Amino acid sequence: MSFGPVKFVNEKTIELEKKTEDKKVLVATSGGVDSMVCATLAFKAIKERLIVLYLDNGLMRQGETEEVNSFFAKMGVELQVWDVKEKFFESLKGKTDPEEKRIAFRDVFYKTLRQAIKSYSAEFLIQGTIAADIVETQKGIKTQHNVLSQIGINPANYGLRILEPLKELFKPQVRLVAKQLGLPKKVYERRPFPGPALATRIIGEVVPEKVEKVRIATAIVEDMIKEQSVFQVLAVLFNDRATGNIGGKRIYGDIIAIRAVESKDAMTAVPFKIPWTKLEKIRDRILAEVPGVVKVLYDVTPKPPSTIEYI
């Protein structure tokens, strides 16, 4: 079946209206393009029956909560913000294996949404699962937190009835839908951001101090690398440490890796060739602004054999 954003928006608007009938519906948004499209599409279909929820899990980018709140305020939607930082950090405590961390995130994510469904007396959950999420999870490449029924987990186990209007689309198609819905350019051109957020960019245990370091580094690389051809740009904090020299004193400090890739659909990717002078400026900012960092590396690995994210 051929894809067209106008046709897609019209069909999904009617579908969501019919499937949800007169029931209340919850959509959880993270500020990423997938969940923002879902929320906007759902609002177009069901208006006042929609509850838009943002989980402030302590793992988001700088200023994310304020940006998401501002976006929905302009739409005339009152964003519900839940502070669940303690719950998410507790679920990740002591975990270092990438899959264990992703599964722990998924578990607390859906348990929190089950609580929200009951709190708002909603009947349905709409989420922004896209085709790449399903493919990677089914193939065992990495578990995406928002994939359940496609791998044999019944959403009813979490007390949920889930609708996934974007599950057949890849990222470029989602961007076209966002544009059709009238979302601003800064939203529909926004680079992908993983559901488990900055937890996917910390090797080893995820704790608030590490998150803050990778949050600052992420803001730096996103600010410095704006080329349109770059599909994804990120910073990663390693678990290992290295010897450094700060202020004439020997220290054992952190290692940050920079990753920037070009890709069409996130299924394959090649490293973006950052100009050397720009790479030096990024390095200098990270060393100056992220406490305790003594080494900055640049990742030149394609996907495959690598994944785009680190865990």
C-alpha atoms as a PDB file:
ATOM      1  CA  MET A   1       0.000   0.000   0.000  1.00  0.00           C
ATOM      2  CA  SER A   2       1.425   3.389  -0.999  1.00  0.00           C
ATOM      3  CA  PHE A   3       2.053   5.963   1.720  1.00  0.00           C
ATOM      4  CA  GLY A   4       0.902   9.559   1.594  1.00  0.00           C
ATOM      5  CA  PRO A   5       0.865  11.866   4.641  1.00  0.00           C
ATOM      6  CA  VAL A   6      -2.520  13.432   3.819  1.00  0.00           C
ATOM      7  CA  LYS A   7      -4.167  10.058   3.361  1.00  0.00           C
ATOM      8  CA  PHE A   8      -2.464   8.685   6.463  1.00  0.00           C
ATOM      9  CA  VAL A   9      -3.595  11.559   8.710  1.00  0.00           C
ATOM     10  CA  ASN A  10      -7.182  11.333   7.447  1.00  0.00           C
ATOM     11  CA  GLU A  11      -7.388   7.561   7.851  1.00  0.00           C
ATOM     12  CA  LYS A  12      -5.757   7.468  11.288  1.00  0.00           C
ATOM     13  CA  THR A  13      -7.901  10.329  12.583  1.00  0.00           C
ATOM     14  CA  ILE A  14     -11.059   8.412  11.667  1.00  0.00           C
ATOM     15  CA  GLU A  15      -9.599   5.141  12.984  1.00  0.00           C
ATOM     16  CA  LEU A  16      -8.646   6.604  16.371  1.00  0.00           C
ATOM     17  CA  GLU A  17     -12.043   8.246  16.750  1.00  0.00           C
ATOM     18  CA  LYS A  18     -13.862   4.988  16.001  1.00  0.00           C
ATOM     19  CA  LYS A  19     -11.647   2.712  18.100  1.00  0.00           C
ATOM     20  CA  THR A  20     -11.760   4.879  21.201  1.00  0.00           C
ATOM     21  CA  GLU A  21     -15.498   5.639  20.912  1.00  0.00           C
ATOM     22  CA  ASP A  22     -16.398   7.994  23.761  1.00  0.00           C
ATOM     23  CA  LYS A  23     -13.685   6.773  26.145  1.00  0.00           C
ATOM     24  CA  LYS A  24     -10.853   8.755  27.715  1.00  0.00           C
ATOM     25  CA  VAL A  25      -7.450   8.183  26.124  1.00  0.00           C
ATOM     26  CA  LEU A  26      -3.950   8.661  27.494  1.00  0.00           C
ATOM     27  CA  VAL A  27      -0.907   9.423  25.365  1.00  0.00           C
ATOM     28  CA  ALA A  28       2.567   9.591  26.891  1.00  0.00           C
ATOM     29  CA  THR A  29       4.930  11.998  25.175  1.00  0.00           C
ATOM     30  CA  SER A  30       8.672  12.415  25.648  1.00  0.00           C
ATOM     31  CA  GLY A  31       9.249  15.369  23.329  1.00  0.00           C
ATOM     32  CA  GLY A  32      10.534  13.154  20.520  1.00  0.00           C
ATOM     33  CA  VAL A  33       8.979  13.369  17.068  1.00  0.00           C
ATOM     34  CA  ASP A  34       7.204   9.982  17.281  1.00  0.00           C
ATOM     35  CA  SER A  35       5.351  10.678  20.526  1.00  0.00           C
ATOM     36  CA  MET A  36       4.651  14.314  19.558  1.00  0.00           C
ATOM     37  CA  VAL A  37       3.078  13.136  16.310  1.00  0.00           C
ATOM     38  CA  CYS A  38       0.983  10.592  18.209  1.00  0.00           C
ATOM     39  CA  ALA A  39      -0.214  13.208  20.678  1.00  0.00           C
ATOM     40  CA  THR A  40      -1.063  15.716  17.936  1.00  0.00           C
ATOM     41  CA  LEU A  41      -2.820  13.088  15.816  1.00  0.00           C
ATOM     42  CA  ALA A  42      -4.805  11.889  18.832  1.00  0.00           C
ATOM     43  CA  PHE A  43      -5.786  15.441  19.769  1.00  0.00           C
ATOM     44  CA  LYS A  44      -7.017  16.020  16.226  1.00  0.00           C
ATOM     45  CA  ALA A  45      -9.141  12.860  16.486  1.00  0.00           C
ATOM     46  CA  ILE A  46     -10.575  12.969  19.993  1.00  0.00           C
ATOM     47  CA  LYS A  47      -9.970  16.479  21.391  1.00  0.00           C
ATOM     48  CA  GLU A  48     -11.116  16.839  25.019  1.00  0.00           C
ATOM     49  CA  ARG A  49     -11.076  13.081  25.692  1.00  0.00           C
ATOM     50  CA  LEU A  50      -7.283  13.066  25.440  1.00  0.00           C
ATOM     51  CA  ILE A  51      -4.912  13.221  28.418  1.00  0.00           C
ATOM     52  CA  VAL A  52      -1.306  14.057  27.448  1.00  0.00           C
ATOM     53  CA  LEU A  53       1.216  12.827  30.002  1.00  0.00           C
ATOM     54  CA  TYR A  54       4.911  13.612  30.304  1.00  0.00           C
ATOM     55  CA  LEU A  55       6.974  11.422  32.612  1.00  0.00           C
ATOM     56  CA  ASP A  56       9.810  13.447  34.108  1.00  0.00           C
ATOM     57  CA  ASN A  57      12.067  10.449  34.690  1.00  0.00           C
ATOM     58  CA  GLY A  58      15.322  12.311  35.330  1.00  0.00           C
ATOM     59  CA  LEU A  59      16.821  10.964  32.104  1.00  0.00           C
ATOM     60  CA  MET A  60      15.745  13.608  29.612  1.00  0.00           C
ATOM     61  CA  ARG A  61      17.749  16.271  27.762  1.00  0.00           C
ATOM     62  CA  GLN A  62      18.346  19.775  29.072  1.00  0.00           C
ATOM     63  CA  GLY A  63      15.179  21.879  29.044  1.00  0.00           C
ATOM     64  CA  GLU A  64      13.020  19.026  27.704  1.00  0.00           C
ATOM     65  CA  THR A  65      10.196  19.391  30.230  1.00  0.00           C
ATOM     66  CA  GLU A  66       9.869  23.140  29.608  1.00  0.00           C
ATOM     67  CA  GLU A  67       9.925  22.709  25.805  1.00  0.00           C
ATOM     68  CA  VAL A  68       7.261  20.013  25.792  1.00  0.00           C
ATOM     69  CA  ASN A  69       5.071  22.014  28.158  1.00  0.00           C
ATOM     70  CA  SER A  70       5.389  25.102  25.949  1.00  0.00           C
ATOM     71  CA  PHE A  71       4.499  23.137  22.804  1.00  0.00           C
ATOM     72  CA  PHE A  72       1.261  21.740  24.226  1.00  0.00           C
ATOM     73  CA  ALA A  73       0.301  25.039  25.856  1.00  0.00           C
ATOM     74  CA  LYS A  74       0.325  26.599  22.373  1.00  0.00           C
ATOM     75  CA  MET A  75      -1.989  23.789  21.225  1.00  0.00           C
ATOM     76  CA  GLY A  76      -4.345  24.552  24.091  1.00  0.00           C
ATOM     77  CA  VAL A  77      -3.573  21.237  25.799  1.00  0.00           C
ATOM     78  CA  GLU A  78      -2.820  21.062  29.523  1.00  0.00           C
ATOM     79  CA  LEU A  79       0.210  18.787  29.813  1.00  0.00           C
ATOM     80  CA  GLN A  80       0.185  16.460  32.809  1.00  0.00           C
ATOM     81  CA  VAL A  81       3.700  16.194  34.265  1.00  0.00           C
ATOM     82  CA  TRP A  82       4.576  13.400  36.687  1.00  0.00           C
ATOM     83  CA  ASP A  83       7.842  13.556  38.617  1.00  0.00           C
ATOM     84  CA  VAL A  84       8.942   9.911  38.620  1.00  0.00           C
ATOM     85  CA  LYS A  85      12.727  10.318  38.811  1.00  0.00           C
ATOM     86  CA  GLU A  86      13.119   8.301  41.999  1.00  0.00           C
ATOM     87  CA  LYS A  87      11.106   5.401  40.601  1.00  0.00           C
ATOM     88  CA  PHE A  88      13.183   5.137  37.405  1.00  0.00           C
ATOM     89  CA  PHE A  89      16.577   5.474  39.101  1.00  0.00           C
ATOM     90  CA  GLU A  90      15.585   2.826  41.640  1.00  0.00           C
ATOM     91  CA  SER A  91      14.653   0.428  38.817  1.00  0.00           C
ATOM     92  CA  LEU A  92      18.077   0.922  37.194  1.00  0.00           C
ATOM     93  CA  LYS A  93      20.073   0.654  40.414  1.00  0.00           C
ATOM     94  CA  GLY A  94      22.899  -1.877  40.243  1.00  0.00           C
ATOM     95  CA  LYS A  95      22.197  -2.855  36.628  1.00  0.00           C
ATOM     96  CA  THR A  96      25.016  -2.784  34.079  1.00  0.00           C
ATOM     97  CA  ASP A  97      23.862  -5.206  31.362  1.00  0.00           C
ATOM     98  CA  PRO A  98      22.294  -3.277  28.427  1.00  0.00           C
ATOM     99  CA  GLU A  99      19.287  -5.587  28.040  1.00  0.00           C
ATOM    100  CA  GLU A 100      18.634  -5.682  31.778  1.00  0.00           C
ATOM    101  CA  LYS A 101      18.593  -1.893  31.821  1.00  0.00           C
ATOM    102  CA  ARG A 102      16.227  -1.659  28.857  1.00  0.00           C
ATOM    103  CA  ILE A 103      13.869  -4.270  30.315  1.00  0.00           C
ATOM    104  CA  ALA A 104      13.928  -2.564  33.742  1.00  0.00           C
ATOM    105  CA  PHE A 105      13.096   0.758  32.088  1.00  0.00           C
ATOM    106  CA  ARG A 106      10.241  -0.861  30.144  1.00  0.00           C
ATOM    107  CA  ASP A 107       8.806  -2.452  33.275  1.00  0.00           C
ATOM    108  CA  VAL A 108       8.694   0.730  35.350  1.00  0.00           C
ATOM    109  CA  PHE A 109       7.513   2.717  32.297  1.00  0.00           C
ATOM    110  CA  TYR A 110       4.432   0.541  31.803  1.00  0.00           C
ATOM    111  CA  LYS A 111       3.711   0.160  35.510  1.00  0.00           C
ATOM    112  CA  THR A 112       3.726   3.958  35.767  1.00  0.00           C
ATOM    113  CA  LEU A 113       1.411   4.241  32.765  1.00  0.00           C
ATOM    114  CA  ARG A 114      -0.930   1.659  34.327  1.00  0.00           C
ATOM    115  CA  GLN A 115      -1.084   3.897  37.397  1.00  0.00           C
ATOM    116  CA  ALA A 116      -1.801   6.906  35.155  1.00  0.00           C
ATOM    117  CA  ILE A 117      -4.545   5.053  33.256  1.00  0.00           C
ATOM    118  CA  LYS A 118      -6.300   4.341  36.571  1.00  0.00           C
ATOM    119  CA  SER A 119      -5.683   7.845  37.894  1.00  0.00           C
ATOM    120  CA  TYR A 120      -7.305   9.517  34.864  1.00  0.00           C
ATOM    121  CA  SER A 121      -9.944   6.781  34.312  1.00  0.00           C
ATOM    122  CA  ALA A 122      -8.681   6.280  30.775  1.00  0.00           C
ATOM    123  CA  GLU A 123      -9.450   3.214  28.645  1.00  0.00           C
ATOM    124  CA  PHE A 124      -6.708   3.363  26.008  1.00  0.00           C
ATOM    125  CA  LEU A 125      -3.012   4.171  25.765  1.00  0.00           C
ATOM    126  CA  ILE A 126      -1.695   5.615  22.494  1.00  0.00           C
ATOM    127  CA  GLN A 127       2.038   5.302  21.936  1.00  0.00           C
ATOM    128  CA  GLY A 128       4.527   6.187  19.219  1.00  0.00           C
ATOM    129  CA  THR A 129       5.939   2.775  18.324  1.00  0.00           C
ATOM    130  CA  ILE A 130       7.399   2.868  14.804  1.00  0.00           C
ATOM    131  CA  ALA A 131       8.494   0.108  12.428  1.00  0.00           C
ATOM    132  CA  ALA A 132      12.203   0.293  13.315  1.00  0.00           C
ATOM    133  CA  ASP A 133      11.391  -0.262  17.016  1.00  0.00           C
ATOM    134  CA  ILE A 134       9.546  -3.476  16.188  1.00  0.00           C
ATOM    135  CA  VAL A 135      12.130  -4.805  13.723  1.00  0.00           C
ATOM    136  CA  GLU A 136      15.079  -4.289  16.095  1.00  0.00           C
ATOM    137  CA  THR A 137      13.270  -5.846  19.052  1.00  0.00           C
ATOM    138  CA  GLN A 138      11.995  -8.865  17.105  1.00  0.00           C
ATOM    139  CA  LYS A 139      15.454  -9.520  15.669  1.00  0.00           C
ATOM    140  CA  GLY A 140      17.018  -9.362  19.127  1.00  0.00           C
ATOM    141  CA  ILE A 141      19.281  -6.445  18.204  1.00  0.00           C
ATOM    142  CA  LYS A 142      18.074  -4.512  21.250  1.00  0.00           C
ATOM    143  CA  THR A 143      14.857  -4.295  23.223  1.00  0.00           C
ATOM    144  CA  GLN A 144      12.858  -1.154  22.525  1.00  0.00           C
ATOM    145  CA  HIS A 145      10.897  -0.224  25.626  1.00  0.00           C
ATOM    146  CA  ASN A 146       7.646   0.380  23.731  1.00  0.00           C
ATOM    147  CA  VAL A 147       7.357  -3.018  22.036  1.00  0.00           C
ATOM    148  CA  LEU A 148       5.113  -5.546  23.795  1.00  0.00           C
ATOM    149  CA  SER A 149       2.556  -7.522  21.781  1.00  0.00           C
ATOM    150  CA  GLN A 150       4.962  -7.922  18.850  1.00  0.00           C
ATOM    151  CA  ILE A 151       7.245 -10.052  21.059  1.00  0.00           C
ATOM    152  CA  GLY A 152       4.511 -11.957  22.854  1.00  0.00           C
ATOM    153  CA  ILE A 153       3.989  -9.714  25.897  1.00  0.00           C
ATOM    154  CA  ASN A 154       0.291  -9.096  26.418  1.00  0.00           C
ATOM    155  CA  PRO A 155      -0.329  -5.391  27.245  1.00  0.00           C
ATOM    156  CA  ALA A 156      -3.183  -6.629  29.446  1.00  0.00           C
ATOM    157  CA  ASN A 157      -0.466  -7.824  31.854  1.00  0.00           C
ATOM    158  CA  TYR A 158       0.026  -4.129  32.600  1.00  0.00           C
ATOM    159  CA  GLY A 159      -3.703  -3.427  32.499  1.00  0.00           C
ATOM    160  CA  LEU A 160      -3.375  -1.611  29.176  1.00  0.00           C
ATOM    161  CA  ARG A 161      -5.200  -1.448  25.847  1.00  0.00           C
ATOM    162  CA  ILE A 162      -2.642  -0.027  23.452  1.00  0.00           C
ATOM    163  CA  LEU A 163      -3.096   1.719  20.102  1.00  0.00           C
ATOM    164  CA  GLU A 164      -0.034   2.266  17.876  1.00  0.00           C
ATOM    165  CA  PRO A 165      -0.979   4.445  14.897  1.00  0.00           C
ATOM    166  CA  LEU A 166       2.624   4.811  13.628  1.00  0.00           C
ATOM    167  CA  LYS A 167       3.761   1.189  13.892  1.00  0.00           C
ATOM    168  CA  GLU A 168       3.992   0.678  10.112  1.00  0.00           C
ATOM    169  CA  LEU A 169       6.013   3.836   9.460  1.00  0.00           C
ATOM    170  CA  PHE A 170       9.746   4.483   9.468  1.00  0.00           C
ATOM    171  CA  LYS A 171      11.223   7.770  10.693  1.00  0.00           C
ATOM    172  CA  PRO A 172      11.209   9.645   7.343  1.00  0.00           C
ATOM    173  CA  GLN A 173       7.477   8.916   6.958  1.00  0.00           C
ATOM    174  CA  VAL A 174       6.795  10.017  10.543  1.00  0.00           C
ATOM    175  CA  ARG A 175       8.474  13.340   9.752  1.00  0.00           C
ATOM    176  CA  LEU A 176       6.189  13.807   6.736  1.00  0.00           C
ATOM    177  CA  VAL A 177       3.157  13.130   8.939  1.00  0.00           C
ATOM    178  CA  ALA A 178       4.442  15.657  11.484  1.00  0.00           C
ATOM    179  CA  LYS A 179       4.785  18.260   8.757  1.00  0.00           C
ATOM    180  CA  GLN A 180       1.285  17.488   7.469  1.00  0.00           C
ATOM    181  CA  LEU A 181      -0.096  17.942  10.990  1.00  0.00           C
ATOM    182  CA  GLY A 182       1.450  21.409  11.116  1.00  0.00           C
ATOM    183  CA  LEU A 183       4.090  20.681  13.734  1.00  0.00           C
ATOM    184  CA  PRO A 184       6.920  23.239  13.734  1.00  0.00           C
ATOM    185  CA  LYS A 185      10.106  22.500  11.813  1.00  0.00           C
ATOM    186  CA  LYS A 186      12.117  22.161  15.030  1.00  0.00           C
ATOM    187  CA  VAL A 187       9.872  19.202  15.926  1.00  0.00           C
ATOM    188  CA  TYR A 188       9.566  17.374  12.599  1.00  0.00           C
ATOM    189  CA  GLU A 189      13.276  17.748  11.848  1.00  0.00           C
ATOM    190  CA  ARG A 190      14.321  16.787  15.359  1.00  0.00           C
ATOM    191  CA  ARG A 191      16.795  13.953  15.582  1.00  0.00           C
ATOM    192  CA  PRO A 192      15.636  10.680  17.128  1.00  0.00           C
ATOM    193  CA  PHE A 193      15.873  10.337  20.885  1.00  0.00           C
ATOM    194  CA  PRO A 194      15.560   6.884  22.461  1.00  0.00           C
ATOM    195  CA  GLY A 195      12.654   6.030  24.759  1.00  0.00           C
ATOM    196  CA  PRO A 196      14.952   5.121  27.674  1.00  0.00           C
ATOM    197  CA  ALA A 197      16.563   8.515  27.015  1.00  0.00           C
ATOM    198  CA  LEU A 198      20.023   9.197  28.424  1.00  0.00           C
ATOM    199  CA  ALA A 199      20.062   5.767  30.082  1.00  0.00           C
ATOM    200  CA  THR A 200      21.035   4.417  26.645  1.00  0.00           C
ATOM    201  CA  ARG A 201      24.116   6.648  26.634  1.00  0.00           C
ATOM    202  CA  ILE A 202      25.679   5.507  29.875  1.00  0.00           C
ATOM    203  CA  ILE A 203      27.756   2.335  29.878  1.00  0.00           C
ATOM    204  CA  GLY A 204      27.454   0.711  33.277  1.00  0.00           C
ATOM    205  CA  GLU A 205      25.129   1.648  36.107  1.00  0.00           C
ATOM    206  CA  VAL A 206      22.809   4.615  35.547  1.00  0.00           C
ATOM    207  CA  VAL A 207      22.960   7.098  38.438  1.00  0.00           C
ATOM    208  CA  PRO A 208      21.988  10.809  38.584  1.00  0.00           C
ATOM    209  CA  GLU A 209      25.606  12.068  38.629  1.00  0.00           C
ATOM    210  CA  LYS A 210      26.441  10.207  35.412  1.00  0.00           C
ATOM    211  CA  VAL A 211      23.214  11.332  33.769  1.00  0.00           C
ATOM    212  CA  GLU A 212      24.049  14.967  34.463  1.00  0.00           C
ATOM    213  CA  LYS A 213      27.453  14.578  32.805  1.00  0.00           C
ATOM    214  CA  VAL A 214      26.059  12.964  29.667  1.00  0.00           C
ATOM    215  CA  ARG A 215      23.211  15.511  29.624  1.00  0.00           C
ATOM    216  CA  ILE A 216      25.704  18.381  29.399  1.00  0.00           C
ATOM    217  CA  ALA A 217      27.771  16.565  26.754  1.00  0.00           C
ATOM    218  CA  THR A 218      24.623  15.817  24.741  1.00  0.00           C
ATOM    219  CA  ALA A 219      23.628  19.490  24.743  1.00  0.00           C
ATOM    220  CA  ILE A 220      27.106  20.398  23.488  1.00  0.00           C
ATOM    221  CA  VAL A 221      27.184  17.957  20.553  1.00  0.00           C
ATOM    222  CA  GLU A 222      23.605  18.781  19.546  1.00  0.00           C
ATOM    223  CA  ASP A 223      24.439  22.479  19.589  1.00  0.00           C
ATOM    224  CA  MET A 224      27.649  22.057  17.599  1.00  0.00           C
ATOM    225  CA  ILE A 225      26.560  19.509  14.960  1.00  0.00           C
ATOM    226  CA  LYS A 226      23.595  20.908  13.057  1.00  0.00           C
ATOM    227  CA  GLU A 227      24.206  19.555   9.533  1.00  0.00           C
ATOM    228  CA  GLN A 228      20.940  18.283   8.044  1.00  0.00           C
ATOM    229  CA  SER A 229      22.510  15.090   6.744  1.00  0.00           C
ATOM    230  CA  VAL A 230      23.266  13.984  10.307  1.00  0.00           C
ATOM    231  CA  PHE A 231      20.482  11.589  11.328  1.00  0.00           C
ATOM    232  CA  GLN A 232      21.621  11.183  14.909  1.00  0.00           C
ATOM    233  CA  VAL A 233      24.211  12.808  17.147  1.00  0.00           C
ATOM    234  CA  LEU A 234      24.953  11.835  20.710  1.00  0.00           C
ATOM    235  CA  ALA A 235      27.479  11.686  23.526  1.00  0.00           C
ATOM    236  CA  VAL A 236      28.216   8.574  25.563  1.00  0.00           C
ATOM    237  CA  LEU A 237      29.757   8.220  29.003  1.00  0.00           C
ATOM    238  CA  PHE A 238      31.975   5.172  29.373  1.00  0.00           C
ATOM    239  CA  ASN A 239      32.109   3.017  32.483  1.00  0.00           C
ATOM    240  CA  ASP A 240      35.891   2.682  32.269  1.00  0.00           C
ATOM    241  CA  ARG A 241      38.047   5.596  33.359  1.00  0.00           C
ATOM    242  CA  ALA A 242      41.420   6.907  32.240  1.00  0.00           C
ATOM    243  CA  THR A 243      44.399   8.739  33.691  1.00  0.00           C
ATOM    244  CA  GLY A 244      44.434  12.480  33.108  1.00  0.00           C
ATOM    245  CA  ASN A 245      46.152  15.665  34.197  1.00  0.00           C
ATOM    246  CA  ILE A 246      44.046  18.596  35.369  1.00  0.00           C
ATOM    247  CA  GLY A 247      45.637  21.646  36.964  1.00  0.00           C
ATOM    248  CA  GLY A 248      48.977  19.888  37.117  1.00  0.00           C
ATOM    249  CA  LYS A 249      47.526  17.026  39.139  1.00  0.00           C
ATOM    250  CA  ARG A 250      47.125  13.418  38.065  1.00  0.00           C
ATOM    251  CA  ILE A 251      43.493  12.289  38.188  1.00  0.00           C
ATOM    252  CA  TYR A 252      41.504   9.254  37.196  1.00  0.00           C
ATOM    253  CA  GLY A 253      38.747  10.736  35.033  1.00  0.00           C
ATOM    254  CA  ASP A 254      35.830  10.068  32.708  1.00  0.00           C
ATOM    255  CA  ILE A 255      35.783   9.158  29.023  1.00  0.00           C
ATOM    256  CA  ILE A 256      33.172  10.665  26.682  1.00  0.00           C
ATOM    257  CA  ALA A 257      32.594   9.400  23.138  1.00  0.00           C
ATOM    258  CA  ILE A 258      30.991  11.504  20.397  1.00  0.00           C
ATOM    259  CA  ARG A 259      28.837   9.742  17.809  1.00  0.00           C
ATOM    260  CA  ALA A 260      27.283  11.301  14.694  1.00  0.00           C
ATOM    261  CA  VAL A 261      25.796   9.208  11.891  1.00  0.00           C
ATOM    262  CA  GLU A 262      23.989   9.556   8.585  1.00  0.00           C
ATOM    263  CA  SER A 263      21.028   7.247   7.975  1.00  0.00           C
ATOM    264  CA  LYS A 264      17.726   7.090   6.115  1.00  0.00           C
ATOM    265  CA  ASP A 265      15.730   4.736   8.306  1.00  0.00           C
ATOM    266  CA  ALA A 266      17.897   3.873  11.365  1.00  0.00           C
ATOM    267  CA  MET A 267      18.338   0.307  10.117  1.00  0.00           C
ATOM    268  CA  THR A 268      21.794   1.091   8.713  1.00  0.00           C
ATOM    269  CA  ALA A 269      24.088   4.059   9.335  1.00  0.00           C
ATOM    270  CA  VAL A 270      27.494   5.465   8.408  1.00  0.00           C
ATOM    271  CA  PRO A 271      29.611   7.833  10.522  1.00  0.00           C
ATOM    272  CA  PHE A 272      29.411  11.510   9.661  1.00  0.00           C
ATOM    273  CA  LYS A 273      32.791  13.077   8.918  1.00  0.00           C
ATOM    274  CA  ILE A 274      32.953  15.967  11.340  1.00  0.00           C
ATOM    275  CA  PRO A 275      35.471  18.593  10.136  1.00  0.00           C
ATOM    276  CA  TRP A 276      38.579  18.421  12.299  1.00  0.00           C
ATOM    277  CA  THR A 277      38.391  22.051  13.453  1.00  0.00           C
ATOM    278  CA  LYS A 278      34.790  21.544  14.609  1.00  0.00           C
ATOM    279  CA  LEU A 279      35.709  18.292  16.350  1.00  0.00           C
ATOM    280  CA  GLU A 280      38.413  20.152  18.259  1.00  0.00           C
ATOM    281  CA  LYS A 281      35.899  22.801  19.355  1.00  0.00           C
ATOM    282  CA  ILE A 282      33.482  20.110  20.546  1.00  0.00           C
ATOM    283  CA  ARG A 283      36.312  18.402  22.412  1.00  0.00           C
ATOM    284  CA  ASP A 284      37.330  21.662  24.083  1.00  0.00           C
ATOM    285  CA  ARG A 285      33.778  22.432  25.201  1.00  0.00           C
ATOM    286  CA  ILE A 286      33.272  18.955  26.655  1.00  0.00           C
ATOM    287  CA  LEU A 287      36.580  19.122  28.531  1.00  0.00           C
ATOM    288  CA  ALA A 288      35.711  22.575  29.862  1.00  0.00           C
ATOM    289  CA  GLU A 289      32.027  22.066  30.682  1.00  0.00           C
ATOM    290  CA  VAL A 290      31.656  18.426  31.771  1.00  0.00           C
ATOM    291  CA  PRO A 291      33.265  17.894  35.185  1.00  0.00           C
ATOM    292  CA  GLY A 292      35.914  15.176  35.469  1.00  0.00           C
ATOM    293  CA  VAL A 293      36.301  14.308  31.779  1.00  0.00           C
ATOM    294  CA  VAL A 294      39.884  13.607  30.694  1.00  0.00           C
ATOM    295  CA  LYS A 295      39.375  11.932  27.309  1.00  0.00           C
ATOM    296  CA  VAL A 296      37.074  12.698  24.366  1.00  0.00           C
ATOM    297  CA  LEU A 297      36.802  10.070  21.608  1.00  0.00           C
ATOM    298  CA  TYR A 298      35.076  10.047  18.212  1.00  0.00           C
ATOM    299  CA  ASP A 299      33.212   6.900  17.135  1.00  0.00           C
ATOM    300  CA  VAL A 300      33.697   6.038  13.435  1.00  0.00           C
ATOM    301  CA  THR A 301      31.826   2.694  13.438  1.00  0.00           C
ATOM    302  CA  PRO A 302      28.997   2.053  10.937  1.00  0.00           C
ATOM    303  CA  LYS A 303      25.744   0.192  11.629  1.00  0.00           C
ATOM    304  CA  PRO A 304      26.129  -2.763  11.352  1.00  0.00           C
ATOM    305  CA  PRO A 305      28.189  -4.067  13.109  1.00  0.00           C
ATOM    306  CA  SER A 306      27.469  -1.347  15.664  1.00  0.00           C
ATOM    307  CA  THR A 307      24.078   0.006  16.683  1.00  0.00           C
ATOM    308  CA  ILE A 308      23.499   3.752  16.613  1.00  0.00           C
ATOM    309  CA  GLU A 309      23.021   4.006  20.374  1.00  0.00           C
ATOM    310  CA  TYR A 310      25.382   2.295  22.814  1.00  0.00           C
ATOM    311  CA  ILE A 311      23.028   0.091  24.821  1.00  0.00           C
END
